[in-house]
mmCIF file of all heavy atoms, coordinates in Angstrom:
data_MODEL
# 
_entry.id   MODEL 
# 
loop_
_atom_site.group_PDB 
_atom_site.id 
_atom_site.type_symbol 
_atom_site.label_atom_id 
_atom_site.label_alt_id 
_atom_site.label_comp_id 
_atom_site.label_asym_id 
_atom_site.label_entity_id 
_atom_site.label_seq_id 
_atom_site.pdbx_PDB_ins_code 
_atom_site.Cartn_x 
_atom_site.Cartn_y 
_atom_site.Cartn_z 
_atom_site.occupancy 
_atom_site.B_iso_or_equiv 
_atom_site.pdbx_formal_charge 
_atom_site.auth_seq_id 
_atom_site.auth_comp_id 
_atom_site.auth_asym_id 
_atom_site.auth_atom_id 
_atom_site.pdbx_PDB_model_num 
ATOM 1   N N   . LYS A 1 1  ? 0.829  -1.204 0.000  1.00 0.00 ? 1  LYS A N   1 
ATOM 2   C CA  . LYS A 1 1  ? 0.000  0.000  0.000  1.00 0.00 ? 1  LYS A CA  1 
ATOM 3   C C   . LYS A 1 1  ? 0.873  1.268  0.000  1.00 0.00 ? 1  LYS A C   1 
ATOM 4   O O   . LYS A 1 1  ? 0.568  2.253  -0.656 1.00 0.00 ? 1  LYS A O   1 
ATOM 5   C CB  . LYS A 1 1  ? -0.925 0.008  1.214  1.00 0.00 ? 1  LYS A CB  1 
ATOM 6   C CG  . LYS A 1 1  ? -2.046 -1.011 1.132  1.00 0.00 ? 1  LYS A CG  1 
ATOM 7   C CD  . LYS A 1 1  ? -2.941 -0.910 2.355  1.00 0.00 ? 1  LYS A CD  1 
ATOM 8   C CE  . LYS A 1 1  ? -4.090 -1.924 2.269  1.00 0.00 ? 1  LYS A CE  1 
ATOM 9   N NZ  . LYS A 1 1  ? -4.973 -1.851 3.451  1.00 0.00 ? 1  LYS A NZ  1 
ATOM 10  N N   . VAL A 1 2  ? 1.969  1.216  0.775  1.00 0.00 ? 2  VAL A N   1 
ATOM 11  C CA  . VAL A 1 2  ? 2.869  2.368  0.835  1.00 0.00 ? 2  VAL A CA  1 
ATOM 12  C C   . VAL A 1 2  ? 3.499  2.618  -0.532 1.00 0.00 ? 2  VAL A C   1 
ATOM 13  O O   . VAL A 1 2  ? 3.550  3.747  -1.020 1.00 0.00 ? 2  VAL A O   1 
ATOM 14  C CB  . VAL A 1 2  ? 3.972  2.140  1.907  1.00 0.00 ? 2  VAL A CB  1 
ATOM 15  C CG1 . VAL A 1 2  ? 5.034  3.236  1.809  1.00 0.00 ? 2  VAL A CG1 1 
ATOM 16  C CG2 . VAL A 1 2  ? 3.358  2.119  3.297  1.00 0.00 ? 2  VAL A CG2 1 
ATOM 17  N N   . ARG A 1 3  ? 3.965  1.524  -1.182 1.00 0.00 ? 3  ARG A N   1 
ATOM 18  C CA  . ARG A 1 3  ? 4.570  1.663  -2.509 1.00 0.00 ? 3  ARG A CA  1 
ATOM 19  C C   . ARG A 1 3  ? 3.566  2.213  -3.513 1.00 0.00 ? 3  ARG A C   1 
ATOM 20  O O   . ARG A 1 3  ? 3.884  3.051  -4.355 1.00 0.00 ? 3  ARG A O   1 
ATOM 21  C CB  . ARG A 1 3  ? 5.095  0.310  -2.992 1.00 0.00 ? 3  ARG A CB  1 
ATOM 22  C CG  . ARG A 1 3  ? 6.272  -0.221 -2.171 1.00 0.00 ? 3  ARG A CG  1 
ATOM 23  C CD  . ARG A 1 3  ? 6.897  -1.437 -2.854 1.00 0.00 ? 3  ARG A CD  1 
ATOM 24  N NE  . ARG A 1 3  ? 7.790  -2.161 -1.954 1.00 0.00 ? 3  ARG A NE  1 
ATOM 25  C CZ  . ARG A 1 3  ? 7.473  -3.279 -1.321 1.00 0.00 ? 3  ARG A CZ  1 
ATOM 26  N NH1 . ARG A 1 3  ? 6.263  -3.824 -1.504 1.00 0.00 ? 3  ARG A NH1 1 
ATOM 27  N NH2 . ARG A 1 3  ? 8.339  -3.868 -0.521 1.00 0.00 ? 3  ARG A NH2 1 
ATOM 28  N N   . SER A 1 4  ? 2.342  1.707  -3.425 1.00 0.00 ? 4  SER A N   1 
ATOM 29  C CA  . SER A 1 4  ? 1.293  2.150  -4.335 1.00 0.00 ? 4  SER A CA  1 
ATOM 30  C C   . SER A 1 4  ? 0.999  3.637  -4.145 1.00 0.00 ? 4  SER A C   1 
ATOM 31  O O   . SER A 1 4  ? 0.804  4.384  -5.105 1.00 0.00 ? 4  SER A O   1 
ATOM 32  C CB  . SER A 1 4  ? 0.026  1.329  -4.101 1.00 0.00 ? 4  SER A CB  1 
ATOM 33  O OG  . SER A 1 4  ? -1.027 1.790  -4.910 1.00 0.00 ? 4  SER A OG  1 
ATOM 34  N N   . ALA A 1 5  ? 0.992  4.073  -2.867 1.00 0.00 ? 5  ALA A N   1 
ATOM 35  C CA  . ALA A 1 5  ? 0.720  5.481  -2.572 1.00 0.00 ? 5  ALA A CA  1 
ATOM 36  C C   . ALA A 1 5  ? 1.832  6.369  -3.103 1.00 0.00 ? 5  ALA A C   1 
ATOM 37  O O   . ALA A 1 5  ? 1.596  7.486  -3.591 1.00 0.00 ? 5  ALA A O   1 
ATOM 38  C CB  . ALA A 1 5  ? 0.563  5.677  -1.066 1.00 0.00 ? 5  ALA A CB  1 
ATOM 39  N N   . LEU A 1 6  ? 3.069  5.876  -3.035 1.00 0.00 ? 6  LEU A N   1 
ATOM 40  C CA  . LEU A 1 6  ? 4.214  6.667  -3.520 1.00 0.00 ? 6  LEU A CA  1 
ATOM 41  C C   . LEU A 1 6  ? 4.191  6.799  -5.028 1.00 0.00 ? 6  LEU A C   1 
ATOM 42  O O   . LEU A 1 6  ? 4.578  7.818  -5.599 1.00 0.00 ? 6  LEU A O   1 
ATOM 43  C CB  . LEU A 1 6  ? 5.528  6.018  -3.057 1.00 0.00 ? 6  LEU A CB  1 
ATOM 44  C CG  . LEU A 1 6  ? 5.835  6.112  -1.562 1.00 0.00 ? 6  LEU A CG  1 
ATOM 45  C CD1 . LEU A 1 6  ? 7.070  5.288  -1.242 1.00 0.00 ? 6  LEU A CD1 1 
ATOM 46  C CD2 . LEU A 1 6  ? 6.029  7.561  -1.135 1.00 0.00 ? 6  LEU A CD2 1 
ATOM 47  N N   . ILE A 1 7  ? 3.737  5.737  -5.700 1.00 0.00 ? 7  ILE A N   1 
ATOM 48  C CA  . ILE A 1 7  ? 3.694  5.742  -7.161 1.00 0.00 ? 7  ILE A CA  1 
ATOM 49  C C   . ILE A 1 7  ? 2.563  6.625  -7.672 1.00 0.00 ? 7  ILE A C   1 
ATOM 50  O O   . ILE A 1 7  ? 2.724  7.448  -8.551 1.00 0.00 ? 7  ILE A O   1 
ATOM 51  C CB  . ILE A 1 7  ? 3.550  4.306  -7.699 1.00 0.00 ? 7  ILE A CB  1 
ATOM 52  C CG1 . ILE A 1 7  ? 4.817  3.499  -7.382 1.00 0.00 ? 7  ILE A CG1 1 
ATOM 53  C CG2 . ILE A 1 7  ? 3.293  4.322  -9.208 1.00 0.00 ? 7  ILE A CG2 1 
ATOM 54  C CD1 . ILE A 1 7  ? 4.679  2.018  -7.664 1.00 0.00 ? 7  ILE A CD1 1 
ATOM 55  N N   . SER A 1 8  ? 1.366  6.435  -7.100 1.00 0.00 ? 8  SER A N   1 
ATOM 56  C CA  . SER A 1 8  ? 0.191  7.211  -7.523 1.00 0.00 ? 8  SER A CA  1 
ATOM 57  C C   . SER A 1 8  ? -0.150 8.232  -6.443 1.00 0.00 ? 8  SER A C   1 
ATOM 58  O O   . SER A 1 8  ? -0.994 7.985  -5.583 1.00 0.00 ? 8  SER A O   1 
ATOM 59  C CB  . SER A 1 8  ? -0.999 6.271  -7.767 1.00 0.00 ? 8  SER A CB  1 
ATOM 60  O OG  . SER A 1 8  ? -1.249 5.488  -6.610 1.00 0.00 ? 8  SER A OG  1 
ATOM 61  N N   . LYS A 1 9  ? 0.550  9.380  -6.452 1.00 0.00 ? 9  LYS A N   1 
ATOM 62  C CA  . LYS A 1 9  ? 0.348  10.410 -5.432 1.00 0.00 ? 9  LYS A CA  1 
ATOM 63  C C   . LYS A 1 9  ? -1.007 11.089 -5.601 1.00 0.00 ? 9  LYS A C   1 
ATOM 64  O O   . LYS A 1 9  ? -1.475 11.313 -6.714 1.00 0.00 ? 9  LYS A O   1 
ATOM 65  C CB  . LYS A 1 9  ? 1.458  11.449 -5.519 1.00 0.00 ? 9  LYS A CB  1 
ATOM 66  C CG  . LYS A 1 9  ? 2.832  10.881 -5.166 1.00 0.00 ? 9  LYS A CG  1 
ATOM 67  C CD  . LYS A 1 9  ? 3.886  11.980 -5.229 1.00 0.00 ? 9  LYS A CD  1 
ATOM 68  C CE  . LYS A 1 9  ? 5.253  11.427 -4.843 1.00 0.00 ? 9  LYS A CE  1 
ATOM 69  N NZ  . LYS A 1 9  ? 6.301  12.466 -4.900 1.00 0.00 ? 9  LYS A NZ  1 
ATOM 70  N N   . THR A 1 10 ? -1.621 11.408 -4.487 1.00 0.00 ? 10 THR A N   1 
ATOM 71  C CA  . THR A 1 10 ? -2.896 12.116 -4.502 1.00 0.00 ? 10 THR A CA  1 
ATOM 72  C C   . THR A 1 10 ? -2.673 13.545 -4.990 1.00 0.00 ? 10 THR A C   1 
ATOM 73  O O   . THR A 1 10 ? -1.744 14.218 -4.549 1.00 0.00 ? 10 THR A O   1 
ATOM 74  C CB  . THR A 1 10 ? -3.494 12.166 -3.076 1.00 0.00 ? 10 THR A CB  1 
ATOM 75  O OG1 . THR A 1 10 ? -3.616 10.840 -2.578 1.00 0.00 ? 10 THR A OG1 1 
ATOM 76  C CG2 . THR A 1 10 ? -4.847 12.860 -3.081 1.00 0.00 ? 10 THR A CG2 1 
ATOM 77  N N   . PRO A 1 11 ? -3.500 14.021 -5.898 1.00 0.00 ? 11 PRO A N   1 
ATOM 78  C CA  . PRO A 1 11 ? -3.348 15.400 -6.392 1.00 0.00 ? 11 PRO A CA  1 
ATOM 79  C C   . PRO A 1 11 ? -3.472 16.408 -5.252 1.00 0.00 ? 11 PRO A C   1 
ATOM 80  O O   . PRO A 1 11 ? -4.251 16.213 -4.307 1.00 0.00 ? 11 PRO A O   1 
ATOM 81  C CB  . PRO A 1 11 ? -4.516 15.548 -7.385 1.00 0.00 ? 11 PRO A CB  1 
ATOM 82  C CG  . PRO A 1 11 ? -4.870 14.145 -7.757 1.00 0.00 ? 11 PRO A CG  1 
ATOM 83  C CD  . PRO A 1 11 ? -4.597 13.307 -6.550 1.00 0.00 ? 11 PRO A CD  1 
ATOM 84  N N   . ASN A 1 12 ? -2.689 17.475 -5.330 1.00 0.00 ? 12 ASN A N   1 
ATOM 85  C CA  . ASN A 1 12 ? -2.738 18.531 -4.319 1.00 0.00 ? 12 ASN A CA  1 
ATOM 86  C C   . ASN A 1 12 ? -4.095 19.216 -4.374 1.00 0.00 ? 12 ASN A C   1 
ATOM 87  O O   . ASN A 1 12 ? -4.475 19.785 -5.403 1.00 0.00 ? 12 ASN A O   1 
ATOM 88  C CB  . ASN A 1 12 ? -1.619 19.551 -4.598 1.00 0.00 ? 12 ASN A CB  1 
ATOM 89  C CG  . ASN A 1 12 ? -1.562 20.632 -3.527 1.00 0.00 ? 12 ASN A CG  1 
ATOM 90  O OD1 . ASN A 1 12 ? -2.385 20.680 -2.621 1.00 0.00 ? 12 ASN A OD1 1 
ATOM 91  N ND2 . ASN A 1 12 ? -0.581 21.520 -3.653 1.00 0.00 ? 12 ASN A ND2 1 
ATOM 92  N N   . PRO A 1 13 ? -4.883 19.170 -3.271 1.00 0.00 ? 13 PRO A N   1 
ATOM 93  C CA  . PRO A 1 13 ? -6.218 19.781 -3.299 1.00 0.00 ? 13 PRO A CA  1 
ATOM 94  C C   . PRO A 1 13 ? -6.160 21.308 -3.338 1.00 0.00 ? 13 PRO A C   1 
ATOM 95  O O   . PRO A 1 13 ? -7.159 21.965 -3.598 1.00 0.00 ? 13 PRO A O   1 
ATOM 96  C CB  . PRO A 1 13 ? -6.859 19.276 -2.000 1.00 0.00 ? 13 PRO A CB  1 
ATOM 97  C CG  . PRO A 1 13 ? -5.698 18.980 -1.097 1.00 0.00 ? 13 PRO A CG  1 
ATOM 98  C CD  . PRO A 1 13 ? -4.587 18.514 -1.997 1.00 0.00 ? 13 PRO A CD  1 
ATOM 99  N N   . TYR A 1 14 ? -4.983 21.898 -3.021 1.00 0.00 ? 14 TYR A N   1 
ATOM 100 C CA  . TYR A 1 14 ? -4.838 23.362 -3.016 1.00 0.00 ? 14 TYR A CA  1 
ATOM 101 C C   . TYR A 1 14 ? -3.638 23.761 -3.892 1.00 0.00 ? 14 TYR A C   1 
ATOM 102 O O   . TYR A 1 14 ? -2.610 24.233 -3.393 1.00 0.00 ? 14 TYR A O   1 
ATOM 103 C CB  . TYR A 1 14 ? -4.636 23.881 -1.588 1.00 0.00 ? 14 TYR A CB  1 
ATOM 104 C CG  . TYR A 1 14 ? -5.692 23.392 -0.625 1.00 0.00 ? 14 TYR A CG  1 
ATOM 105 C CD1 . TYR A 1 14 ? -5.397 22.405 0.308  1.00 0.00 ? 14 TYR A CD1 1 
ATOM 106 C CD2 . TYR A 1 14 ? -6.982 23.923 -0.660 1.00 0.00 ? 14 TYR A CD2 1 
ATOM 107 C CE1 . TYR A 1 14 ? -6.362 21.959 1.195  1.00 0.00 ? 14 TYR A CE1 1 
ATOM 108 C CE2 . TYR A 1 14 ? -7.959 23.475 0.219  1.00 0.00 ? 14 TYR A CE2 1 
ATOM 109 C CZ  . TYR A 1 14 ? -7.644 22.493 1.144  1.00 0.00 ? 14 TYR A CZ  1 
ATOM 110 O OH  . TYR A 1 14 ? -8.596 22.054 2.021  1.00 0.00 ? 14 TYR A OH  1 
ATOM 111 N N   . PRO A 1 15 ? -3.755 23.571 -5.188 1.00 0.00 ? 15 PRO A N   1 
ATOM 112 C CA  . PRO A 1 15 ? -2.600 23.820 -6.083 1.00 0.00 ? 15 PRO A CA  1 
ATOM 113 C C   . PRO A 1 15 ? -2.166 25.280 -6.126 1.00 0.00 ? 15 PRO A C   1 
ATOM 114 O O   . PRO A 1 15 ? -1.034 25.578 -6.477 1.00 0.00 ? 15 PRO A O   1 
ATOM 115 C CB  . PRO A 1 15 ? -3.109 23.349 -7.445 1.00 0.00 ? 15 PRO A CB  1 
ATOM 116 C CG  . PRO A 1 15 ? -4.599 23.470 -7.349 1.00 0.00 ? 15 PRO A CG  1 
ATOM 117 C CD  . PRO A 1 15 ? -4.943 23.142 -5.932 1.00 0.00 ? 15 PRO A CD  1 
ATOM 118 N N   . ASN A 1 16 ? -3.072 26.190 -5.787 1.00 0.00 ? 16 ASN A N   1 
ATOM 119 C CA  . ASN A 1 16 ? -2.747 27.612 -5.881 1.00 0.00 ? 16 ASN A CA  1 
ATOM 120 C C   . ASN A 1 16 ? -2.326 28.214 -4.539 1.00 0.00 ? 16 ASN A C   1 
ATOM 121 O O   . ASN A 1 16 ? -2.190 29.432 -4.423 1.00 0.00 ? 16 ASN A O   1 
ATOM 122 C CB  . ASN A 1 16 ? -3.953 28.394 -6.429 1.00 0.00 ? 16 ASN A CB  1 
ATOM 123 C CG  . ASN A 1 16 ? -4.318 27.954 -7.836 1.00 0.00 ? 16 ASN A CG  1 
ATOM 124 O OD1 . ASN A 1 16 ? -3.436 27.717 -8.660 1.00 0.00 ? 16 ASN A OD1 1 
ATOM 125 N ND2 . ASN A 1 16 ? -5.613 27.835 -8.102 1.00 0.00 ? 16 ASN A ND2 1 
ATOM 126 N N   . LEU A 1 17 ? -2.136 27.365 -3.541 1.00 0.00 ? 17 LEU A N   1 
ATOM 127 C CA  . LEU A 1 17 ? -1.758 27.860 -2.223 1.00 0.00 ? 17 LEU A CA  1 
ATOM 128 C C   . LEU A 1 17 ? -0.315 28.376 -2.250 1.00 0.00 ? 17 LEU A C   1 
ATOM 129 O O   . LEU A 1 17 ? 0.602  27.673 -2.639 1.00 0.00 ? 17 LEU A O   1 
ATOM 130 C CB  . LEU A 1 17 ? -1.884 26.743 -1.178 1.00 0.00 ? 17 LEU A CB  1 
ATOM 131 C CG  . LEU A 1 17 ? -1.609 27.130 0.280  1.00 0.00 ? 17 LEU A CG  1 
ATOM 132 C CD1 . LEU A 1 17 ? -2.632 28.159 0.755  1.00 0.00 ? 17 LEU A CD1 1 
ATOM 133 C CD2 . LEU A 1 17 ? -1.656 25.896 1.175  1.00 0.00 ? 17 LEU A CD2 1 
ATOM 134 N N   . ASP A 1 18 ? -0.138 29.622 -1.837 1.00 0.00 ? 18 ASP A N   1 
ATOM 135 C CA  . ASP A 1 18 ? 1.185  30.261 -1.833 1.00 0.00 ? 18 ASP A CA  1 
ATOM 136 C C   . ASP A 1 18 ? 1.861  30.010 -0.489 1.00 0.00 ? 18 ASP A C   1 
ATOM 137 O O   . ASP A 1 18 ? 1.425  30.518 0.539  1.00 0.00 ? 18 ASP A O   1 
ATOM 138 C CB  . ASP A 1 18 ? 1.023  31.766 -2.082 1.00 0.00 ? 18 ASP A CB  1 
ATOM 139 C CG  . ASP A 1 18 ? 2.357  32.482 -2.191 1.00 0.00 ? 18 ASP A CG  1 
ATOM 140 O OD1 . ASP A 1 18 ? 3.398  31.816 -2.060 1.00 0.00 ? 18 ASP A OD1 1 
ATOM 141 O OD2 . ASP A 1 18 ? 2.352  33.712 -2.404 1.00 0.00 ? 18 ASP A OD2 1 
ATOM 142 N N   . MET A 1 19 ? 2.934  29.222 -0.526 1.00 0.00 ? 19 MET A N   1 
ATOM 143 C CA  . MET A 1 19 ? 3.663  28.897 0.702  1.00 0.00 ? 19 MET A CA  1 
ATOM 144 C C   . MET A 1 19 ? 4.927  29.746 0.862  1.00 0.00 ? 19 MET A C   1 
ATOM 145 O O   . MET A 1 19 ? 5.655  29.590 1.849  1.00 0.00 ? 19 MET A O   1 
ATOM 146 C CB  . MET A 1 19 ? 4.058  27.410 0.693  1.00 0.00 ? 19 MET A CB  1 
ATOM 147 C CG  . MET A 1 19 ? 2.882  26.463 0.641  1.00 0.00 ? 19 MET A CG  1 
ATOM 148 S SD  . MET A 1 19 ? 1.840  26.550 2.117  1.00 0.00 ? 19 MET A SD  1 
ATOM 149 C CE  . MET A 1 19 ? 2.930  25.787 3.326  1.00 0.00 ? 19 MET A CE  1 
ATOM 150 N N   . ASP A 1 20 ? 5.191  30.630 -0.083 1.00 0.00 ? 20 ASP A N   1 
ATOM 151 C CA  . ASP A 1 20 ? 6.449  31.379 -0.062 1.00 0.00 ? 20 ASP A CA  1 
ATOM 152 C C   . ASP A 1 20 ? 6.298  32.836 0.349  1.00 0.00 ? 20 ASP A C   1 
ATOM 153 O O   . ASP A 1 20 ? 7.210  33.411 0.934  1.00 0.00 ? 20 ASP A O   1 
ATOM 154 C CB  . ASP A 1 20 ? 7.114  31.321 -1.444 1.00 0.00 ? 20 ASP A CB  1 
ATOM 155 C CG  . ASP A 1 20 ? 7.471  29.890 -1.830 1.00 0.00 ? 20 ASP A CG  1 
ATOM 156 O OD1 . ASP A 1 20 ? 7.953  29.149 -0.965 1.00 0.00 ? 20 ASP A OD1 1 
ATOM 157 O OD2 . ASP A 1 20 ? 7.237  29.527 -3.002 1.00 0.00 ? 20 ASP A OD2 1 
ATOM 158 N N   . SER A 1 21 ? 5.160  33.435 0.045  1.00 0.00 ? 21 SER A N   1 
ATOM 159 C CA  . SER A 1 21 ? 5.001  34.851 0.336  1.00 0.00 ? 21 SER A CA  1 
ATOM 160 C C   . SER A 1 21 ? 4.910  35.104 1.839  1.00 0.00 ? 21 SER A C   1 
ATOM 161 O O   . SER A 1 21 ? 4.454  34.246 2.599  1.00 0.00 ? 21 SER A O   1 
ATOM 162 C CB  . SER A 1 21 ? 3.741  35.400 -0.350 1.00 0.00 ? 21 SER A CB  1 
ATOM 163 O OG  . SER A 1 21 ? 3.853  35.266 -1.745 1.00 0.00 ? 21 SER A OG  1 
ATOM 164 N N   . ASN A 1 22 ? 5.312  36.305 2.252  1.00 0.00 ? 22 ASN A N   1 
ATOM 165 C CA  . ASN A 1 22 ? 5.260  36.698 3.660  1.00 0.00 ? 22 ASN A CA  1 
ATOM 166 C C   . ASN A 1 22 ? 3.803  36.843 4.085  1.00 0.00 ? 22 ASN A C   1 
ATOM 167 O O   . ASN A 1 22 ? 3.012  37.521 3.422  1.00 0.00 ? 22 ASN A O   1 
ATOM 168 C CB  . ASN A 1 22 ? 5.996  38.033 3.843  1.00 0.00 ? 22 ASN A CB  1 
ATOM 169 C CG  . ASN A 1 22 ? 6.364  38.287 5.286  1.00 0.00 ? 22 ASN A CG  1 
ATOM 170 O OD1 . ASN A 1 22 ? 5.603  37.965 6.188  1.00 0.00 ? 22 ASN A OD1 1 
ATOM 171 N ND2 . ASN A 1 22 ? 7.523  38.878 5.506  1.00 0.00 ? 22 ASN A ND2 1 
ATOM 172 N N   . VAL A 1 23 ? 3.439  36.222 5.212  1.00 0.00 ? 23 VAL A N   1 
ATOM 173 C CA  . VAL A 1 23 ? 2.049  36.273 5.675  1.00 0.00 ? 23 VAL A CA  1 
ATOM 174 C C   . VAL A 1 23 ? 1.767  37.553 6.449  1.00 0.00 ? 23 VAL A C   1 
ATOM 175 O O   . VAL A 1 23 ? 0.612  37.882 6.719  1.00 0.00 ? 23 VAL A O   1 
ATOM 176 C CB  . VAL A 1 23 ? 1.723  35.047 6.565  1.00 0.00 ? 23 VAL A CB  1 
ATOM 177 C CG1 . VAL A 1 23 ? 1.854  33.765 5.771  1.00 0.00 ? 23 VAL A CG1 1 
ATOM 178 C CG2 . VAL A 1 23 ? 2.616  35.003 7.808  1.00 0.00 ? 23 VAL A CG2 1 
ATOM 179 N N   . PHE A 1 24 ? 2.810  38.283 6.848  1.00 0.00 ? 24 PHE A N   1 
ATOM 180 C CA  . PHE A 1 24 ? 2.622  39.508 7.612  1.00 0.00 ? 24 PHE A CA  1 
ATOM 181 C C   . PHE A 1 24 ? 2.411  40.692 6.681  1.00 0.00 ? 24 PHE A C   1 
ATOM 182 O O   . PHE A 1 24 ? 2.920  40.734 5.559  1.00 0.00 ? 24 PHE A O   1 
ATOM 183 C CB  . PHE A 1 24 ? 3.841  39.789 8.495  1.00 0.00 ? 24 PHE A CB  1 
ATOM 184 C CG  . PHE A 1 24 ? 4.050  38.769 9.576  1.00 0.00 ? 24 PHE A CG  1 
ATOM 185 C CD1 . PHE A 1 24 ? 5.059  37.828 9.474  1.00 0.00 ? 24 PHE A CD1 1 
ATOM 186 C CD2 . PHE A 1 24 ? 3.239  38.754 10.691 1.00 0.00 ? 24 PHE A CD2 1 
ATOM 187 C CE1 . PHE A 1 24 ? 5.255  36.891 10.468 1.00 0.00 ? 24 PHE A CE1 1 
ATOM 188 C CE2 . PHE A 1 24 ? 3.431  37.821 11.693 1.00 0.00 ? 24 PHE A CE2 1 
ATOM 189 C CZ  . PHE A 1 24 ? 4.442  36.890 11.583 1.00 0.00 ? 24 PHE A CZ  1 
# 
């Protein structure tokens, strides 16, 4: 199951989420 999960990754539900910009 672990190998299968690594091969077929779940799509990112928040593809447009900005993790780099300053939140302040």
